[in-house]
Amino acid sequence: MGLNYTLDNGYGAARLGLIVLTTDETLENEARGCVAGRAVSLLHARIPAQPHVTPEALATMEGHMEAVAGSLPAGLDVVGYGCTSGATVIGPAQVEALIRRAQPGAAVTNPLSAVIAALDVLGARRIGLLTPYVDSVNAPLVAALGQAGIEVVTRASFEQSDDWSVARIPESDTLRGMETLVETGGCEAIFASCTNLRAFGIVDEAEARLGIPVISSNLALVWHMLRLAGLEAKGWGPGRLFQL
């Protein structure tokens, strides 16, 4: 017996697509925590990524971007590319152009663009930068932030190129790194870069200890995606950014 049916707009008030590196073990978990139990559809696709993070390795993702974006369902409101250093090397404009070929109706963001937007909302132009990267990856990130009017007044790194290891850096070590940055003075905010570096569990504690806003790549990316989707997401994630 055939049954009649109707069609609605699908699951959720907003449809978000997330392009995650094959080596990333953190972004999906932290992003999911922000939208769990809310009327938001969060869909993931994996982009091939090399295990060692170098500018040359990051650049290889450019060739996969359009196809991976096309593997996500059509009709998304926002697509986020989940790699700060990858967006820096490839360039935010090129990332957006490639994704929009496959998802022409979607807004597009990435952690670099999201962090710049977040720091603007927070009113912070002088930051402390914490990364897991080697110097060849740090340098273009510092330059890109500078081009956006953000001065990195102090920075520190775990100097790790192996993405598997980055996913296993304890949040306690990241918190200690943030404290070290603030000890040098002059920071208006702390930015912990890399979508594979865990930070959601320490953002509130770090802000309480340090007295300044703290954002991570994942925090800024999810916040920006929700904003671009037109959602009022106050309180959905940790930290001052999600209170604005």
C-alpha atoms as a PDB file:
ATOM      1  CA  MET A   1       0.000   0.000   0.000  1.00  0.00           C
ATOM      2  CA  GLY A   2       1.407   3.343  -1.011  1.00  0.00           C
ATOM      3  CA  LEU A   3       1.377   6.201   1.476  1.00  0.00           C
ATOM      4  CA  ASN A   4       0.989   9.888   0.868  1.00  0.00           C
ATOM      5  CA  TYR A   5       3.637  12.196   2.292  1.00  0.00           C
ATOM      6  CA  THR A   6       4.683  15.812   2.397  1.00  0.00           C
ATOM      7  CA  LEU A   7       8.109  17.452   2.305  1.00  0.00           C
ATOM      8  CA  ASP A   8       9.490  19.984   4.758  1.00  0.00           C
ATOM      9  CA  ASN A   9      12.814  21.831   4.880  1.00  0.00           C
ATOM     10  CA  GLY A  10      14.732  18.915   6.388  1.00  0.00           C
ATOM     11  CA  TYR A  11      16.476  18.690   9.735  1.00  0.00           C
ATOM     12  CA  GLY A  12      17.298  21.914  11.516  1.00  0.00           C
ATOM     13  CA  ALA A  13      16.731  25.636  11.173  1.00  0.00           C
ATOM     14  CA  ALA A  14      20.176  25.923   9.581  1.00  0.00           C
ATOM     15  CA  ARG A  15      22.300  23.561   7.496  1.00  0.00           C
ATOM     16  CA  LEU A  16      26.032  23.793   8.053  1.00  0.00           C
ATOM     17  CA  GLY A  17      28.753  21.932   6.178  1.00  0.00           C
ATOM     18  CA  LEU A  18      32.175  21.380   7.689  1.00  0.00           C
ATOM     19  CA  ILE A  19      35.224  20.345   5.656  1.00  0.00           C
ATOM     20  CA  VAL A  20      37.504  18.490   8.067  1.00  0.00           C
ATOM     21  CA  LEU A  21      41.050  17.293   7.423  1.00  0.00           C
ATOM     22  CA  THR A  22      41.574  13.540   7.340  1.00  0.00           C
ATOM     23  CA  THR A  23      44.173  14.047  10.079  1.00  0.00           C
ATOM     24  CA  ASP A  24      41.926  16.133  12.349  1.00  0.00           C
ATOM     25  CA  GLU A  25      40.554  14.471  15.487  1.00  0.00           C
ATOM     26  CA  THR A  26      39.340  17.575  17.331  1.00  0.00           C
ATOM     27  CA  LEU A  27      37.223  19.911  15.206  1.00  0.00           C
ATOM     28  CA  GLU A  28      34.173  17.676  14.836  1.00  0.00           C
ATOM     29  CA  ASN A  29      34.004  16.968  18.564  1.00  0.00           C
ATOM     30  CA  GLU A  30      34.248  20.611  19.601  1.00  0.00           C
ATOM     31  CA  ALA A  31      31.838  21.811  16.905  1.00  0.00           C
ATOM     32  CA  ARG A  32      29.305  19.136  17.798  1.00  0.00           C
ATOM     33  CA  GLY A  33      29.291  20.312  21.395  1.00  0.00           C
ATOM     34  CA  CYS A  34      28.091  23.760  20.330  1.00  0.00           C
ATOM     35  CA  VAL A  35      25.078  22.550  18.359  1.00  0.00           C
ATOM     36  CA  ALA A  36      24.077  19.415  20.283  1.00  0.00           C
ATOM     37  CA  GLY A  37      20.383  19.487  21.134  1.00  0.00           C
ATOM     38  CA  ARG A  38      19.759  22.519  18.932  1.00  0.00           C
ATOM     39  CA  ALA A  39      17.918  22.720  15.624  1.00  0.00           C
ATOM     40  CA  VAL A  40      21.087  22.842  13.538  1.00  0.00           C
ATOM     41  CA  SER A  41      22.186  20.301  10.945  1.00  0.00           C
ATOM     42  CA  LEU A  42      25.979  19.885  11.023  1.00  0.00           C
ATOM     43  CA  LEU A  43      27.308  17.766   8.164  1.00  0.00           C
ATOM     44  CA  HIS A  44      30.946  16.763   7.674  1.00  0.00           C
ATOM     45  CA  ALA A  45      33.185  15.866   4.755  1.00  0.00           C
ATOM     46  CA  ARG A  46      36.859  14.886   4.926  1.00  0.00           C
ATOM     47  CA  ILE A  47      39.552  16.469   2.774  1.00  0.00           C
ATOM     48  CA  PRO A  48      42.801  14.553   2.143  1.00  0.00           C
ATOM     49  CA  ALA A  49      45.598  16.017   4.236  1.00  0.00           C
ATOM     50  CA  GLN A  50      49.177  14.965   4.756  1.00  0.00           C
ATOM     51  CA  PRO A  51      50.174  14.001   8.305  1.00  0.00           C
ATOM     52  CA  HIS A  52      53.035  16.486   8.573  1.00  0.00           C
ATOM     53  CA  VAL A  53      52.033  20.134   8.548  1.00  0.00           C
ATOM     54  CA  THR A  54      54.259  22.150   6.220  1.00  0.00           C
ATOM     55  CA  PRO A  55      53.371  24.905   3.740  1.00  0.00           C
ATOM     56  CA  GLU A  56      53.935  22.481   0.857  1.00  0.00           C
ATOM     57  CA  ALA A  57      51.686  19.827   2.403  1.00  0.00           C
ATOM     58  CA  LEU A  58      48.970  22.350   3.205  1.00  0.00           C
ATOM     59  CA  ALA A  59      48.946  23.618  -0.371  1.00  0.00           C
ATOM     60  CA  THR A  60      47.975  20.171  -1.693  1.00  0.00           C
ATOM     61  CA  MET A  61      44.484  20.570  -0.241  1.00  0.00           C
ATOM     62  CA  GLU A  62      43.688  23.211  -2.841  1.00  0.00           C
ATOM     63  CA  GLY A  63      43.389  20.491  -5.484  1.00  0.00           C
ATOM     64  CA  HIS A  64      40.782  18.587  -3.458  1.00  0.00           C
ATOM     65  CA  MET A  65      38.692  21.506  -2.195  1.00  0.00           C
ATOM     66  CA  GLU A  66      36.010  21.705  -4.873  1.00  0.00           C
ATOM     67  CA  ALA A  67      35.391  17.949  -5.026  1.00  0.00           C
ATOM     68  CA  VAL A  68      35.162  17.600  -1.259  1.00  0.00           C
ATOM     69  CA  ALA A  69      32.776  20.554  -1.022  1.00  0.00           C
ATOM     70  CA  GLY A  70      30.701  18.883  -3.713  1.00  0.00           C
ATOM     71  CA  SER A  71      30.484  15.696  -1.670  1.00  0.00           C
ATOM     72  CA  LEU A  72      28.412  17.571   0.910  1.00  0.00           C
ATOM     73  CA  PRO A  73      24.646  17.745   0.342  1.00  0.00           C
ATOM     74  CA  ALA A  74      23.334  20.620  -1.735  1.00  0.00           C
ATOM     75  CA  GLY A  75      21.441  23.516  -0.228  1.00  0.00           C
ATOM     76  CA  LEU A  76      23.748  24.285   2.689  1.00  0.00           C
ATOM     77  CA  ASP A  77      23.543  27.683   4.374  1.00  0.00           C
ATOM     78  CA  VAL A  78      27.230  27.847   5.329  1.00  0.00           C
ATOM     79  CA  VAL A  79      30.330  25.810   4.537  1.00  0.00           C
ATOM     80  CA  GLY A  80      33.391  26.067   6.763  1.00  0.00           C
ATOM     81  CA  TYR A  81      36.826  24.846   5.709  1.00  0.00           C
ATOM     82  CA  GLY A  82      38.476  23.588   8.871  1.00  0.00           C
ATOM     83  CA  CYS A  83      42.155  24.438   8.600  1.00  0.00           C
ATOM     84  CA  THR A  84      43.724  27.679   9.800  1.00  0.00           C
ATOM     85  CA  SER A  85      47.136  27.141   8.265  1.00  0.00           C
ATOM     86  CA  GLY A  86      45.612  25.697   5.090  1.00  0.00           C
ATOM     87  CA  ALA A  87      43.443  28.775   4.632  1.00  0.00           C
ATOM     88  CA  THR A  88      46.524  30.917   5.213  1.00  0.00           C
ATOM     89  CA  VAL A  89      48.624  29.124   2.600  1.00  0.00           C
ATOM     90  CA  ILE A  90      45.884  28.693  -0.022  1.00  0.00           C
ATOM     91  CA  GLY A  91      44.301  32.073   0.719  1.00  0.00           C
ATOM     92  CA  PRO A  92      40.778  32.717   2.042  1.00  0.00           C
ATOM     93  CA  ALA A  93      39.574  34.114  -1.288  1.00  0.00           C
ATOM     94  CA  GLN A  94      40.718  31.028  -3.185  1.00  0.00           C
ATOM     95  CA  VAL A  95      39.199  28.719  -0.566  1.00  0.00           C
ATOM     96  CA  GLU A  96      35.885  30.517  -0.939  1.00  0.00           C
ATOM     97  CA  ALA A  97      35.996  30.461  -4.732  1.00  0.00           C
ATOM     98  CA  LEU A  98      36.650  26.714  -4.858  1.00  0.00           C
ATOM     99  CA  ILE A  99      33.942  25.858  -2.343  1.00  0.00           C
ATOM    100  CA  ARG A 100      31.368  28.102  -3.988  1.00  0.00           C
ATOM    101  CA  ARG A 101      31.852  26.315  -7.298  1.00  0.00           C
ATOM    102  CA  ALA A 102      30.351  23.257  -5.638  1.00  0.00           C
ATOM    103  CA  GLN A 103      28.091  25.068  -3.147  1.00  0.00           C
ATOM    104  CA  PRO A 104      27.042  28.260  -4.959  1.00  0.00           C
ATOM    105  CA  GLY A 105      24.295  29.176  -2.517  1.00  0.00           C
ATOM    106  CA  ALA A 106      26.340  28.849   0.660  1.00  0.00           C
ATOM    107  CA  ALA A 107      28.239  31.422   2.651  1.00  0.00           C
ATOM    108  CA  VAL A 108      31.850  30.298   3.129  1.00  0.00           C
ATOM    109  CA  THR A 109      34.304  30.794   5.956  1.00  0.00           C
ATOM    110  CA  ASN A 110      37.500  29.354   7.393  1.00  0.00           C
ATOM    111  CA  PRO A 111      39.329  29.737  10.718  1.00  0.00           C
ATOM    112  CA  LEU A 112      41.573  32.587   9.554  1.00  0.00           C
ATOM    113  CA  SER A 113      38.659  34.704   8.331  1.00  0.00           C
ATOM    114  CA  ALA A 114      36.627  33.714  11.387  1.00  0.00           C
ATOM    115  CA  VAL A 115      39.381  34.719  13.814  1.00  0.00           C
ATOM    116  CA  ILE A 116      39.766  38.096  12.127  1.00  0.00           C
ATOM    117  CA  ALA A 117      35.999  38.633  12.411  1.00  0.00           C
ATOM    118  CA  ALA A 118      36.000  37.484  16.043  1.00  0.00           C
ATOM    119  CA  LEU A 119      38.863  39.770  17.057  1.00  0.00           C
ATOM    120  CA  ASP A 120      37.077  42.670  15.388  1.00  0.00           C
ATOM    121  CA  VAL A 121      33.926  42.009  17.426  1.00  0.00           C
ATOM    122  CA  LEU A 122      36.007  41.672  20.592  1.00  0.00           C
ATOM    123  CA  GLY A 123      37.833  44.914  19.829  1.00  0.00           C
ATOM    124  CA  ALA A 124      41.253  43.264  20.095  1.00  0.00           C
ATOM    125  CA  ARG A 125      44.067  44.259  17.737  1.00  0.00           C
ATOM    126  CA  ARG A 126      47.122  43.189  19.769  1.00  0.00           C
ATOM    127  CA  ILE A 127      47.213  39.475  20.456  1.00  0.00           C
ATOM    128  CA  GLY A 128      49.253  36.674  21.875  1.00  0.00           C
ATOM    129  CA  LEU A 129      49.467  33.778  19.410  1.00  0.00           C
ATOM    130  CA  LEU A 130      49.781  30.170  20.555  1.00  0.00           C
ATOM    131  CA  THR A 131      50.284  27.494  17.906  1.00  0.00           C
ATOM    132  CA  PRO A 132      51.520  23.928  17.532  1.00  0.00           C
ATOM    133  CA  TYR A 133      53.242  24.832  14.255  1.00  0.00           C
ATOM    134  CA  VAL A 134      56.825  24.912  13.056  1.00  0.00           C
ATOM    135  CA  ASP A 135      58.262  28.296  12.031  1.00  0.00           C
ATOM    136  CA  SER A 136      57.601  27.833   8.308  1.00  0.00           C
ATOM    137  CA  VAL A 137      53.873  27.611   9.098  1.00  0.00           C
ATOM    138  CA  ASN A 138      53.856  30.284  11.806  1.00  0.00           C
ATOM    139  CA  ALA A 139      55.419  32.960   9.609  1.00  0.00           C
ATOM    140  CA  PRO A 140      52.666  33.198   6.944  1.00  0.00           C
ATOM    141  CA  LEU A 141      49.984  33.148   9.655  1.00  0.00           C
ATOM    142  CA  VAL A 142      51.581  36.076  11.477  1.00  0.00           C
ATOM    143  CA  ALA A 143      51.861  37.901   8.148  1.00  0.00           C
ATOM    144  CA  ALA A 144      48.210  37.246   7.251  1.00  0.00           C
ATOM    145  CA  LEU A 145      47.043  38.518  10.621  1.00  0.00           C
ATOM    146  CA  GLY A 146      49.212  41.587  10.194  1.00  0.00           C
ATOM    147  CA  GLN A 147      47.661  42.311   6.808  1.00  0.00           C
ATOM    148  CA  ALA A 148      44.281  42.321   8.577  1.00  0.00           C
ATOM    149  CA  GLY A 149      45.528  44.880  11.098  1.00  0.00           C
ATOM    150  CA  ILE A 150      46.150  42.404  13.902  1.00  0.00           C
ATOM    151  CA  GLU A 151      49.514  42.704  15.613  1.00  0.00           C
ATOM    152  CA  VAL A 152      51.024  39.582  17.140  1.00  0.00           C
ATOM    153  CA  VAL A 153      52.851  41.115  20.102  1.00  0.00           C
ATOM    154  CA  THR A 154      53.998  37.792  21.518  1.00  0.00           C
ATOM    155  CA  ARG A 155      53.845  34.192  20.364  1.00  0.00           C
ATOM    156  CA  ALA A 156      54.799  30.702  21.413  1.00  0.00           C
ATOM    157  CA  SER A 157      54.628  27.302  19.742  1.00  0.00           C
ATOM    158  CA  PHE A 158      54.790  23.619  20.579  1.00  0.00           C
ATOM    159  CA  GLU A 159      56.842  23.328  17.355  1.00  0.00           C
ATOM    160  CA  GLN A 160      55.111  20.146  16.248  1.00  0.00           C
ATOM    161  CA  SER A 161      54.583  19.269  12.579  1.00  0.00           C
ATOM    162  CA  ASP A 162      52.945  15.874  13.196  1.00  0.00           C
ATOM    163  CA  ASP A 163      49.169  16.358  13.252  1.00  0.00           C
ATOM    164  CA  TRP A 164      48.595  13.099  15.154  1.00  0.00           C
ATOM    165  CA  SER A 165      50.678  14.497  17.996  1.00  0.00           C
ATOM    166  CA  VAL A 166      48.908  17.863  17.926  1.00  0.00           C
ATOM    167  CA  ALA A 167      45.582  16.163  18.656  1.00  0.00           C
ATOM    168  CA  ARG A 168      47.165  14.688  21.781  1.00  0.00           C
ATOM    169  CA  ILE A 169      48.538  17.862  23.345  1.00  0.00           C
ATOM    170  CA  PRO A 170      46.681  18.130  26.675  1.00  0.00           C
ATOM    171  CA  GLU A 171      44.565  21.197  27.287  1.00  0.00           C
ATOM    172  CA  SER A 172      46.559  21.770  30.470  1.00  0.00           C
ATOM    173  CA  ASP A 173      49.669  22.352  28.344  1.00  0.00           C
ATOM    174  CA  THR A 174      47.753  24.749  26.118  1.00  0.00           C
ATOM    175  CA  LEU A 175      46.544  26.671  29.170  1.00  0.00           C
ATOM    176  CA  ARG A 176      50.076  26.901  30.488  1.00  0.00           C
ATOM    177  CA  GLY A 177      51.198  28.220  27.112  1.00  0.00           C
ATOM    178  CA  MET A 178      48.529  30.916  27.234  1.00  0.00           C
ATOM    179  CA  GLU A 179      49.703  31.969  30.675  1.00  0.00           C
ATOM    180  CA  THR A 180      53.260  32.242  29.386  1.00  0.00           C
ATOM    181  CA  LEU A 181      52.127  34.572  26.612  1.00  0.00           C
ATOM    182  CA  VAL A 182      50.312  36.894  28.998  1.00  0.00           C
ATOM    183  CA  GLU A 183      53.333  37.102  31.283  1.00  0.00           C
ATOM    184  CA  THR A 184      55.152  39.038  28.561  1.00  0.00           C
ATOM    185  CA  GLY A 185      52.397  41.688  28.601  1.00  0.00           C
ATOM    186  CA  GLY A 186      50.639  43.767  25.974  1.00  0.00           C
ATOM    187  CA  CYS A 187      48.016  41.240  24.814  1.00  0.00           C
ATOM    188  CA  GLU A 188      44.402  42.261  24.339  1.00  0.00           C
ATOM    189  CA  ALA A 189      43.390  38.682  23.496  1.00  0.00           C
ATOM    190  CA  ILE A 190      44.861  35.209  23.080  1.00  0.00           C
ATOM    191  CA  PHE A 191      44.433  33.182  19.900  1.00  0.00           C
ATOM    192  CA  ALA A 192      45.192  29.453  20.014  1.00  0.00           C
ATOM    193  CA  SER A 193      45.558  28.403  16.390  1.00  0.00           C
ATOM    194  CA  CYS A 194      44.941  24.981  14.773  1.00  0.00           C
ATOM    195  CA  THR A 195      41.673  23.079  14.490  1.00  0.00           C
ATOM    196  CA  ASN A 196      43.374  19.949  15.822  1.00  0.00           C
ATOM    197  CA  LEU A 197      44.526  21.655  19.042  1.00  0.00           C
ATOM    198  CA  ARG A 198      42.026  21.053  21.846  1.00  0.00           C
ATOM    199  CA  ALA A 199      40.927  24.175  23.722  1.00  0.00           C
ATOM    200  CA  PHE A 200      37.166  24.279  24.373  1.00  0.00           C
ATOM    201  CA  GLY A 201      37.586  22.767  27.830  1.00  0.00           C
ATOM    202  CA  ILE A 202      39.913  25.513  29.069  1.00  0.00           C
ATOM    203  CA  VAL A 203      38.624  28.705  27.427  1.00  0.00           C
ATOM    204  CA  ASP A 204      36.479  29.819  30.367  1.00  0.00           C
ATOM    205  CA  GLU A 205      39.209  29.026  32.882  1.00  0.00           C
ATOM    206  CA  ALA A 206      41.831  30.779  30.767  1.00  0.00           C
ATOM    207  CA  GLU A 207      39.725  33.919  30.479  1.00  0.00           C
ATOM    208  CA  ALA A 208      39.119  33.926  34.225  1.00  0.00           C
ATOM    209  CA  ARG A 209      42.828  33.564  34.969  1.00  0.00           C
ATOM    210  CA  LEU A 210      44.162  35.905  32.319  1.00  0.00           C
ATOM    211  CA  GLY A 211      41.480  38.583  32.302  1.00  0.00           C
ATOM    212  CA  ILE A 212      41.344  38.874  28.506  1.00  0.00           C
ATOM    213  CA  PRO A 213      39.353  37.134  25.751  1.00  0.00           C
ATOM    214  CA  VAL A 214      40.599  33.752  24.571  1.00  0.00           C
ATOM    215  CA  ILE A 215      39.657  32.258  21.220  1.00  0.00           C
ATOM    216  CA  SER A 216      40.725  29.153  19.356  1.00  0.00           C
ATOM    217  CA  SER A 217      40.469  28.271  15.682  1.00  0.00           C
ATOM    218  CA  ASN A 218      37.491  26.018  16.329  1.00  0.00           C
ATOM    219  CA  LEU A 219      35.761  28.485  18.630  1.00  0.00           C
ATOM    220  CA  ALA A 220      35.991  31.268  16.071  1.00  0.00           C
ATOM    221  CA  LEU A 221      35.060  29.011  13.142  1.00  0.00           C
ATOM    222  CA  VAL A 222      31.900  27.623  14.728  1.00  0.00           C
ATOM    223  CA  TRP A 223      30.883  31.072  16.017  1.00  0.00           C
ATOM    224  CA  HIS A 224      31.348  32.587  12.556  1.00  0.00           C
ATOM    225  CA  MET A 225      29.441  29.802  10.819  1.00  0.00           C
ATOM    226  CA  LEU A 226      26.498  30.252  13.169  1.00  0.00           C
ATOM    227  CA  ARG A 227      26.566  34.010  12.623  1.00  0.00           C
ATOM    228  CA  LEU A 228      26.654  33.624   8.859  1.00  0.00           C
ATOM    229  CA  ALA A 229      23.663  31.296   9.149  1.00  0.00           C
ATOM    230  CA  GLY A 230      21.776  34.090  10.917  1.00  0.00           C
ATOM    231  CA  LEU A 231      21.528  32.261  14.225  1.00  0.00           C
ATOM    232  CA  GLU A 232      21.506  33.881  17.656  1.00  0.00           C
ATOM    233  CA  ALA A 233      24.045  31.591  19.297  1.00  0.00           C
ATOM    234  CA  LYS A 234      24.715  33.395  22.566  1.00  0.00           C
ATOM    235  CA  GLY A 235      25.882  30.894  25.153  1.00  0.00           C
ATOM    236  CA  TRP A 236      26.239  28.029  22.686  1.00  0.00           C
ATOM    237  CA  GLY A 237      29.990  27.814  23.203  1.00  0.00           C
ATOM    238  CA  PRO A 238      32.572  28.788  25.806  1.00  0.00           C
ATOM    239  CA  GLY A 239      34.208  32.157  26.288  1.00  0.00           C
ATOM    240  CA  ARG A 240      33.382  35.817  25.873  1.00  0.00           C
ATOM    241  CA  LEU A 241      32.942  35.507  22.120  1.00  0.00           C
ATOM    242  CA  PHE A 242      29.828  33.393  22.582  1.00  0.00           C
ATOM    243  CA  GLN A 243      28.404  35.963  25.000  1.00  0.00           C
ATOM    244  CA  LEU A 244      28.244  38.693  22.354  1.00  0.00           C
END
